[in-house]
C-alpha atoms as a PDB file:
ATOM      1  CA  UNK A   1     -14.828   4.301 -14.141  1.00  0.00           C
ATOM      2  CA  UNK A   2     -14.809   8.078 -13.275  1.00  0.00           C
ATOM      3  CA  UNK A   3     -11.768   9.917 -14.349  1.00  0.00           C
ATOM      4  CA  UNK A   4     -10.372  10.495 -10.601  1.00  0.00           C
ATOM      5  CA  UNK A   5     -10.949   6.920  -9.661  1.00  0.00           C
ATOM      6  CA  UNK A   6      -8.397   5.901 -12.337  1.00  0.00           C
ATOM      7  CA  UNK A   7      -5.885   8.156 -11.371  1.00  0.00           C
ATOM      8  CA  UNK A   8      -5.791   7.179  -7.930  1.00  0.00           C
ATOM      9  CA  UNK A   9      -5.858   3.362  -9.074  1.00  0.00           C
ATOM     10  CA  UNK A  10      -2.738   4.665 -10.656  1.00  0.00           C
ATOM     11  CA  UNK A  11      -1.324   6.272  -7.834  1.00  0.00           C
ATOM     12  CA  UNK A  12      -1.813   2.931  -5.942  1.00  0.00           C
ATOM     13  CA  UNK A  13      -0.254   0.686  -8.485  1.00  0.00           C
ATOM     14  CA  UNK A  14       2.614   2.906  -8.912  1.00  0.00           C
ATOM     15  CA  UNK A  15       2.981   3.120  -5.197  1.00  0.00           C
ATOM     16  CA  UNK A  16       2.170  -0.778  -4.990  1.00  0.00           C
ATOM     17  CA  UNK A  17       5.135  -1.599  -7.621  1.00  0.00           C
ATOM     18  CA  UNK A  18       7.635   0.739  -5.932  1.00  0.00           C
ATOM     19  CA  UNK A  19       7.303  -1.020  -2.719  1.00  0.00           C
ATOM     20  CA  UNK A  20       7.971  -4.104  -4.373  1.00  0.00           C
ATOM     21  CA  UNK A  21      11.149  -3.132  -6.205  1.00  0.00           C
ATOM     22  CA  UNK A  22      12.218  -1.634  -3.034  1.00  0.00           C
ATOM     23  CA  UNK A  23      11.894  -5.354  -0.757  1.00  0.00           C
ATOM     24  CA  UNK A  24      12.567  -7.468  -4.076  1.00  0.00           C
ATOM     25  CA  UNK A  25      16.129  -8.400  -3.023  1.00  0.00           C
ATOM     26  CA  UNK A  26      15.966  -8.181   0.748  1.00  0.00           C
ATOM     27  CA  UNK A  27      15.297 -10.423   3.556  1.00  0.00           C
ATOM     28  CA  UNK A  28      13.398  -9.058   6.825  1.00  0.00           C
ATOM     29  CA  UNK A  29      16.963  -8.342   8.487  1.00  0.00           C
ATOM     30  CA  UNK A  30      18.229  -6.311   5.836  1.00  0.00           C
ATOM     31  CA  UNK A  31      15.081  -4.622   5.667  1.00  0.00           C
ATOM     32  CA  UNK A  32      14.952  -3.799   9.479  1.00  0.00           C
ATOM     33  CA  UNK A  33      18.428  -2.461   9.350  1.00  0.00           C
ATOM     34  CA  UNK A  34      17.897  -0.155   5.881  1.00  0.00           C
ATOM     35  CA  UNK A  35      16.292   3.035   7.322  1.00  0.00           C
ATOM     36  CA  UNK A  36      15.873   4.276   3.765  1.00  0.00           C
ATOM     37  CA  UNK A  37      14.070   1.516   2.406  1.00  0.00           C
ATOM     38  CA  UNK A  38      11.728   1.458   5.479  1.00  0.00           C
ATOM     39  CA  UNK A  39      10.898   5.147   5.043  1.00  0.00           C
ATOM     40  CA  UNK A  40      10.624   4.455   0.877  1.00  0.00           C
ATOM     41  CA  UNK A  41       8.149   1.613   1.710  1.00  0.00           C
ATOM     42  CA  UNK A  42       6.334   3.313   4.619  1.00  0.00           C
ATOM     43  CA  UNK A  43       5.714   6.556   2.409  1.00  0.00           C
ATOM     44  CA  UNK A  44       4.563   4.729  -0.323  1.00  0.00           C
ATOM     45  CA  UNK A  45       2.243   2.805   1.902  1.00  0.00           C
ATOM     46  CA  UNK A  46       0.922   6.045   3.095  1.00  0.00           C
ATOM     47  CA  UNK A  47       0.193   7.221  -0.995  1.00  0.00           C
ATOM     48  CA  UNK A  48      -1.797   4.127  -1.277  1.00  0.00           C
ATOM     49  CA  UNK A  49      -3.796   4.712   1.751  1.00  0.00           C
ATOM     50  CA  UNK A  50      -4.610   8.345   0.979  1.00  0.00           C
ATOM     51  CA  UNK A  51      -5.056   7.215  -2.823  1.00  0.00           C
ATOM     52  CA  UNK A  52      -7.706   4.791  -1.390  1.00  0.00           C
ATOM     53  CA  UNK A  53      -9.558   7.012   0.626  1.00  0.00           C
ATOM     54  CA  UNK A  54     -10.257   9.289  -2.436  1.00  0.00           C
ATOM     55  CA  UNK A  55     -11.945   6.634  -4.527  1.00  0.00           C
ATOM     56  CA  UNK A  56     -15.598   7.086  -4.701  1.00  0.00           C
ATOM     57  CA  UNK A  57     -17.686   4.731  -2.555  1.00  0.00           C
ATOM     58  CA  UNK A  58     -19.601   3.714  -5.642  1.00  0.00           C
ATOM     59  CA  UNK A  59     -16.259   2.383  -7.095  1.00  0.00           C
ATOM     60  CA  UNK A  60     -15.572   0.554  -3.937  1.00  0.00           C
ATOM     61  CA  UNK A  61     -18.627  -1.194  -3.620  1.00  0.00           C
ATOM     62  CA  UNK A  62     -18.148  -2.112  -7.704  1.00  0.00           C
ATOM     63  CA  UNK A  63     -14.810  -3.912  -6.550  1.00  0.00           C
ATOM     64  CA  UNK A  64     -15.840  -4.920  -2.999  1.00  0.00           C
ATOM     65  CA  UNK A  65     -13.197  -7.861  -2.980  1.00  0.00           C
ATOM     66  CA  UNK A  66     -10.586  -5.371  -2.615  1.00  0.00           C
ATOM     67  CA  UNK A  67     -10.139  -4.581   0.991  1.00  0.00           C
ATOM     68  CA  UNK A  68     -10.400  -1.006   0.474  1.00  0.00           C
ATOM     69  CA  UNK A  69     -10.716   0.119   4.390  1.00  0.00           C
ATOM     70  CA  UNK A  70      -7.565  -2.297   5.163  1.00  0.00           C
ATOM     71  CA  UNK A  71      -5.595  -0.363   2.688  1.00  0.00           C
ATOM     72  CA  UNK A  72      -7.147   3.116   3.908  1.00  0.00           C
ATOM     73  CA  UNK A  73      -6.267   1.493   7.739  1.00  0.00           C
ATOM     74  CA  UNK A  74      -2.798   1.034   7.093  1.00  0.00           C
ATOM     75  CA  UNK A  75      -2.211   4.753   6.064  1.00  0.00           C
ATOM     76  CA  UNK A  76      -3.585   6.058   9.214  1.00  0.00           C
ATOM     77  CA  UNK A  77      -2.076   3.414  11.501  1.00  0.00           C
ATOM     78  CA  UNK A  78       1.390   4.729   9.607  1.00  0.00           C
ATOM     79  CA  UNK A  79       0.415   8.199   9.775  1.00  0.00           C
ATOM     80  CA  UNK A  80      -0.721   8.300  13.474  1.00  0.00           C
ATOM     81  CA  UNK A  81       1.527   5.829  15.049  1.00  0.00           C
ATOM     82  CA  UNK A  82       4.541   6.908  13.238  1.00  0.00           C
ATOM     83  CA  UNK A  83       6.593   6.476  16.685  1.00  0.00           C
ATOM     84  CA  UNK A  84       5.497   2.888  17.149  1.00  0.00           C
ATOM     85  CA  UNK A  85       5.711   1.620  13.517  1.00  0.00           C
ATOM     86  CA  UNK A  86       5.966  -1.954  13.750  1.00  0.00           C
ATOM     87  CA  UNK A  87       8.394  -3.082  10.793  1.00  0.00           C
ATOM     88  CA  UNK A  88       7.335  -6.970  11.212  1.00  0.00           C
ATOM     89  CA  UNK A  89       3.847  -5.518  10.057  1.00  0.00           C
ATOM     90  CA  UNK A  90       5.436  -3.459   7.095  1.00  0.00           C
ATOM     91  CA  UNK A  91       7.141  -6.510   5.972  1.00  0.00           C
ATOM     92  CA  UNK A  92       4.560  -8.950   6.041  1.00  0.00           C
ATOM     93  CA  UNK A  93       2.380  -6.404   4.425  1.00  0.00           C
ATOM     94  CA  UNK A  94       4.822  -5.811   1.551  1.00  0.00           C
ATOM     95  CA  UNK A  95       5.870  -9.089   1.039  1.00  0.00           C
ATOM     96  CA  UNK A  96       2.890 -11.382   1.639  1.00  0.00           C
ATOM     97  CA  UNK A  97      -0.322  -9.047   1.273  1.00  0.00           C
ATOM     98  CA  UNK A  98       0.721  -6.814  -1.387  1.00  0.00           C
ATOM     99  CA  UNK A  99       1.515  -9.293  -4.268  1.00  0.00           C
ATOM    100  CA  UNK A 100      -2.206 -10.594  -4.323  1.00  0.00           C
ATOM    101  CA  UNK A 101      -3.654  -7.040  -3.586  1.00  0.00           C
ATOM    102  CA  UNK A 102      -1.660  -5.617  -6.996  1.00  0.00           C
ATOM    103  CA  UNK A 103      -2.999  -8.617  -9.055  1.00  0.00           C
ATOM    104  CA  UNK A 104      -6.573  -7.740  -7.914  1.00  0.00           C
ATOM    105  CA  UNK A 105      -6.038  -4.049  -8.598  1.00  0.00           C
ATOM    106  CA  UNK A 106      -4.861  -5.077 -11.896  1.00  0.00           C
ATOM    107  CA  UNK A 107      -7.566  -6.449 -13.142  1.00  0.00           C
ATOM    108  CA  UNK A 108      -9.599  -3.403 -12.553  1.00  0.00           C
END
């Protein structure tokens, strides 16, 4: 693995673990009313997306079971549609989609 790819994978994992820790003791209603946690989760999804975009195409192809384009796309939606962020999608992604993704990435 190229050194740069490893750095980006590490950034993805750190941000993913942060998101998990931010929402671990919450339900959706608590999340929806906690602007600080929303901002923290959204920021870490942005980091995940940005790091994903910097991973080499060869590396992405080698680990094609990981939804790289979905990860980058989440960042784009959050950055470009920041006025209309759908908190339900952010919550679902953090609580349902992120845990299996972390498992896949930790296997690299």
